[in-house]
Amino acid sequence: MRSLLIVGGLAAALVTGTAAWAAGPRDDILAALATQAKAEQPAFTGFDAARGKTFFQSAHSGGKPDTPSCTTCHGMDPRQPGQTRAGKSIEPMAVSQQPARFTDQEKIDKWFERNCSSVLGRACTAVEKGDFITYLSQQ
């Protein structure tokens, strides 16, 4: 019985350690975005999931007419798969469904550059990126 408790405790520690490791890169990325946001907007006080949700769900002008919002391809529920305009499946955006989401800086840079240009017609600000990641991290 005692060995079962020890093995169970080790397994729990391993799972907890893995979860903490997965959150680390995302936290580092958000911290870097916060530094950038403060430089862009001195009044910046922190990222906001509600602003991120509004950004995700709202129609924007300035980008391509066939992609006015993030939900055009990703759908209204970020926990569900989306679909590109060409019909290719997109994995859910929600971190609860894709734990590695927003942990790779190169992928983040690539997709924000491409999608912000398509939806907004410009680069996303650090605040927009941070709010977006914060919202999807809570989904």
C-alpha atoms as a PDB file:
ATOM      1  CA  MET A   1       0.000   0.000   0.000  1.00  0.00           C
ATOM      2  CA  ARG A   2       2.797   2.401   0.926  1.00  0.00           C
ATOM      3  CA  SER A   3       4.601   1.801  -2.401  1.00  0.00           C
ATOM      4  CA  LEU A   4       1.350   2.544  -4.230  1.00  0.00           C
ATOM      5  CA  LEU A   5       1.133   5.901  -2.427  1.00  0.00           C
ATOM      6  CA  ILE A   6       4.723   6.726  -3.336  1.00  0.00           C
ATOM      7  CA  VAL A   7       4.178   5.809  -7.004  1.00  0.00           C
ATOM      8  CA  GLY A   8       0.940   7.822  -7.028  1.00  0.00           C
ATOM      9  CA  GLY A   9       2.724  10.797  -5.505  1.00  0.00           C
ATOM     10  CA  LEU A  10       5.515  10.598  -8.065  1.00  0.00           C
ATOM     11  CA  ALA A  11       2.999  10.402 -10.903  1.00  0.00           C
ATOM     12  CA  ALA A  12       1.158  13.452  -9.564  1.00  0.00           C
ATOM     13  CA  ALA A  13       4.444  15.357  -9.280  1.00  0.00           C
ATOM     14  CA  LEU A  14       5.334  14.418 -12.846  1.00  0.00           C
ATOM     15  CA  VAL A  15       1.957  15.606 -14.179  1.00  0.00           C
ATOM     16  CA  THR A  16       2.154  18.829 -12.164  1.00  0.00           C
ATOM     17  CA  GLY A  17       5.716  19.454 -13.320  1.00  0.00           C
ATOM     18  CA  THR A  18       4.700  18.867 -16.940  1.00  0.00           C
ATOM     19  CA  ALA A  19       1.795  21.311 -16.635  1.00  0.00           C
ATOM     20  CA  ALA A  20       4.052  23.928 -15.088  1.00  0.00           C
ATOM     21  CA  TRP A  21       6.603  23.432 -17.854  1.00  0.00           C
ATOM     22  CA  ALA A  22       3.945  23.897 -20.550  1.00  0.00           C
ATOM     23  CA  ALA A  23       2.780  27.174 -19.021  1.00  0.00           C
ATOM     24  CA  GLY A  24       6.320  28.600 -18.772  1.00  0.00           C
ATOM     25  CA  PRO A  25       6.930  29.536 -22.419  1.00  0.00           C
ATOM     26  CA  ARG A  26       3.497  31.147 -22.734  1.00  0.00           C
ATOM     27  CA  ASP A  27       4.116  33.172 -19.563  1.00  0.00           C
ATOM     28  CA  ASP A  28       7.506  34.283 -20.922  1.00  0.00           C
ATOM     29  CA  ILE A  29       5.911  35.314 -24.217  1.00  0.00           C
ATOM     30  CA  LEU A  30       3.205  37.287 -22.399  1.00  0.00           C
ATOM     31  CA  ALA A  31       5.841  38.970 -20.215  1.00  0.00           C
ATOM     32  CA  ALA A  32       7.778  40.055 -23.328  1.00  0.00           C
ATOM     33  CA  LEU A  33       4.555  41.335 -24.906  1.00  0.00           C
ATOM     34  CA  ALA A  34       3.767  43.269 -21.707  1.00  0.00           C
ATOM     35  CA  THR A  35       7.167  44.980 -21.870  1.00  0.00           C
ATOM     36  CA  GLN A  36       6.535  45.863 -25.515  1.00  0.00           C
ATOM     37  CA  ALA A  37       2.982  47.046 -24.739  1.00  0.00           C
ATOM     38  CA  LYS A  38       4.265  49.338 -21.974  1.00  0.00           C
ATOM     39  CA  ALA A  39       6.743  50.849 -24.441  1.00  0.00           C
ATOM     40  CA  GLU A  40       3.994  51.360 -27.047  1.00  0.00           C
ATOM     41  CA  GLN A  41       1.414  52.617 -24.548  1.00  0.00           C
ATOM     42  CA  PRO A  42       2.845  53.999 -21.284  1.00  0.00           C
ATOM     43  CA  ALA A  43      -0.625  53.792 -19.666  1.00  0.00           C
ATOM     44  CA  PHE A  44      -0.736  50.005 -20.246  1.00  0.00           C
ATOM     45  CA  THR A  45      -1.697  48.177 -17.031  1.00  0.00           C
ATOM     46  CA  GLY A  46      -2.089  44.581 -18.155  1.00  0.00           C
ATOM     47  CA  PHE A  47      -3.702  42.239 -20.619  1.00  0.00           C
ATOM     48  CA  ASP A  48      -7.445  41.699 -20.499  1.00  0.00           C
ATOM     49  CA  ALA A  49      -9.264  38.527 -21.554  1.00  0.00           C
ATOM     50  CA  ALA A  50     -12.514  40.464 -22.154  1.00  0.00           C
ATOM     51  CA  ARG A  51     -10.734  42.764 -24.627  1.00  0.00           C
ATOM     52  CA  GLY A  52      -9.203  39.670 -26.217  1.00  0.00           C
ATOM     53  CA  LYS A  53     -12.637  38.092 -26.634  1.00  0.00           C
ATOM     54  CA  THR A  54     -14.013  41.268 -28.193  1.00  0.00           C
ATOM     55  CA  PHE A  55     -11.028  41.463 -30.538  1.00  0.00           C
ATOM     56  CA  PHE A  56     -11.445  37.785 -31.504  1.00  0.00           C
ATOM     57  CA  GLN A  57     -15.189  38.060 -32.184  1.00  0.00           C
ATOM     58  CA  SER A  58     -15.432  41.540 -33.734  1.00  0.00           C
ATOM     59  CA  ALA A  59     -15.490  42.432 -37.408  1.00  0.00           C
ATOM     60  CA  HIS A  60     -12.588  44.709 -38.341  1.00  0.00           C
ATOM     61  CA  SER A  61     -12.035  46.994 -41.294  1.00  0.00           C
ATOM     62  CA  GLY A  62      -8.834  47.530 -43.219  1.00  0.00           C
ATOM     63  CA  GLY A  63      -8.061  43.913 -43.978  1.00  0.00           C
ATOM     64  CA  LYS A  64      -9.294  41.630 -46.714  1.00  0.00           C
ATOM     65  CA  PRO A  65     -13.069  41.777 -47.254  1.00  0.00           C
ATOM     66  CA  ASP A  66     -13.374  37.975 -47.084  1.00  0.00           C
ATOM     67  CA  THR A  67     -11.666  37.820 -43.647  1.00  0.00           C
ATOM     68  CA  PRO A  68     -13.213  40.593 -41.536  1.00  0.00           C
ATOM     69  CA  SER A  69     -12.707  38.792 -38.214  1.00  0.00           C
ATOM     70  CA  CYS A  70     -10.788  35.996 -36.528  1.00  0.00           C
ATOM     71  CA  THR A  71     -14.043  34.046 -36.351  1.00  0.00           C
ATOM     72  CA  THR A  72     -14.270  33.943 -40.154  1.00  0.00           C
ATOM     73  CA  CYS A  73     -11.890  30.983 -40.075  1.00  0.00           C
ATOM     74  CA  HIS A  74     -11.687  30.045 -36.393  1.00  0.00           C
ATOM     75  CA  GLY A  75     -15.428  30.123 -35.585  1.00  0.00           C
ATOM     76  CA  MET A  76     -17.149  31.766 -32.620  1.00  0.00           C
ATOM     77  CA  ASP A  77     -16.169  29.002 -30.175  1.00  0.00           C
ATOM     78  CA  PRO A  78     -12.361  28.798 -29.952  1.00  0.00           C
ATOM     79  CA  ARG A  79     -12.683  25.363 -28.327  1.00  0.00           C
ATOM     80  CA  GLN A  80     -13.921  23.965 -31.637  1.00  0.00           C
ATOM     81  CA  PRO A  81     -11.951  23.391 -34.850  1.00  0.00           C
ATOM     82  CA  GLY A  82     -12.090  26.050 -37.528  1.00  0.00           C
ATOM     83  CA  GLN A  83     -11.691  25.971 -41.278  1.00  0.00           C
ATOM     84  CA  THR A  84      -9.676  28.076 -43.701  1.00  0.00           C
ATOM     85  CA  ARG A  85     -11.372  29.711 -46.675  1.00  0.00           C
ATOM     86  CA  ALA A  86      -9.783  26.940 -48.780  1.00  0.00           C
ATOM     87  CA  GLY A  87     -11.483  24.282 -46.632  1.00  0.00           C
ATOM     88  CA  LYS A  88      -8.445  23.156 -44.626  1.00  0.00           C
ATOM     89  CA  SER A  89      -9.160  22.232 -40.991  1.00  0.00           C
ATOM     90  CA  ILE A  90      -7.698  24.448 -38.239  1.00  0.00           C
ATOM     91  CA  GLU A  91      -7.109  23.016 -34.774  1.00  0.00           C
ATOM     92  CA  PRO A  92      -9.013  24.744 -31.935  1.00  0.00           C
ATOM     93  CA  MET A  93      -7.449  27.988 -30.723  1.00  0.00           C
ATOM     94  CA  ALA A  94      -8.308  27.400 -27.047  1.00  0.00           C
ATOM     95  CA  VAL A  95      -5.401  26.388 -24.851  1.00  0.00           C
ATOM     96  CA  SER A  96      -7.705  23.930 -23.053  1.00  0.00           C
ATOM     97  CA  GLN A  97      -7.957  21.998 -26.320  1.00  0.00           C
ATOM     98  CA  GLN A  98      -4.395  22.619 -27.549  1.00  0.00           C
ATOM     99  CA  PRO A  99      -2.089  22.953 -24.494  1.00  0.00           C
ATOM    100  CA  ALA A 100       0.965  23.783 -26.615  1.00  0.00           C
ATOM    101  CA  ARG A 101      -0.854  26.724 -28.240  1.00  0.00           C
ATOM    102  CA  PHE A 102       1.060  30.029 -27.847  1.00  0.00           C
ATOM    103  CA  THR A 103       4.261  28.439 -26.540  1.00  0.00           C
ATOM    104  CA  ASP A 104       6.395  28.698 -29.705  1.00  0.00           C
ATOM    105  CA  GLN A 105       7.531  32.249 -30.466  1.00  0.00           C
ATOM    106  CA  GLU A 106       8.274  31.508 -34.134  1.00  0.00           C
ATOM    107  CA  LYS A 107       4.767  30.148 -34.733  1.00  0.00           C
ATOM    108  CA  ILE A 108       3.205  33.056 -32.863  1.00  0.00           C
ATOM    109  CA  ASP A 109       5.132  35.578 -34.946  1.00  0.00           C
ATOM    110  CA  LYS A 110       4.279  33.775 -38.202  1.00  0.00           C
ATOM    111  CA  TRP A 111       0.543  33.494 -37.565  1.00  0.00           C
ATOM    112  CA  PHE A 112       0.036  36.950 -36.041  1.00  0.00           C
ATOM    113  CA  GLU A 113       1.891  38.493 -38.992  1.00  0.00           C
ATOM    114  CA  ARG A 114      -0.210  36.618 -41.532  1.00  0.00           C
ATOM    115  CA  ASN A 115      -3.582  36.852 -39.804  1.00  0.00           C
ATOM    116  CA  CYS A 116      -3.348  40.425 -38.531  1.00  0.00           C
ATOM    117  CA  SER A 117      -2.491  41.555 -42.034  1.00  0.00           C
ATOM    118  CA  SER A 118      -5.437  39.610 -43.451  1.00  0.00           C
ATOM    119  CA  VAL A 119      -7.998  40.676 -40.825  1.00  0.00           C
ATOM    120  CA  LEU A 120      -6.783  44.171 -39.894  1.00  0.00           C
ATOM    121  CA  GLY A 121      -4.672  45.198 -42.854  1.00  0.00           C
ATOM    122  CA  ARG A 122      -1.830  45.976 -40.442  1.00  0.00           C
ATOM    123  CA  ALA A 123       0.335  44.409 -37.765  1.00  0.00           C
ATOM    124  CA  CYS A 124      -1.317  43.681 -34.427  1.00  0.00           C
ATOM    125  CA  THR A 125      -0.144  45.733 -31.471  1.00  0.00           C
ATOM    126  CA  ALA A 126       1.474  44.080 -28.459  1.00  0.00           C
ATOM    127  CA  VAL A 127      -1.711  44.790 -26.464  1.00  0.00           C
ATOM    128  CA  GLU A 128      -3.882  43.097 -29.087  1.00  0.00           C
ATOM    129  CA  LYS A 129      -1.606  40.058 -29.153  1.00  0.00           C
ATOM    130  CA  GLY A 130      -1.429  39.824 -25.362  1.00  0.00           C
ATOM    131  CA  ASP A 131      -5.188  40.254 -24.919  1.00  0.00           C
ATOM    132  CA  PHE A 132      -5.806  37.629 -27.601  1.00  0.00           C
ATOM    133  CA  ILE A 133      -3.449  35.094 -25.999  1.00  0.00           C
ATOM    134  CA  THR A 134      -4.834  35.842 -22.533  1.00  0.00           C
ATOM    135  CA  TYR A 135      -8.414  35.234 -23.710  1.00  0.00           C
ATOM    136  CA  LEU A 136      -7.571  32.001 -25.513  1.00  0.00           C
ATOM    137  CA  SER A 137      -5.487  30.796 -22.539  1.00  0.00           C
ATOM    138  CA  GLN A 138      -8.664  30.910 -20.452  1.00  0.00           C
ATOM    139  CA  GLN A 139     -10.745  28.977 -22.960  1.00  0.00           C
END
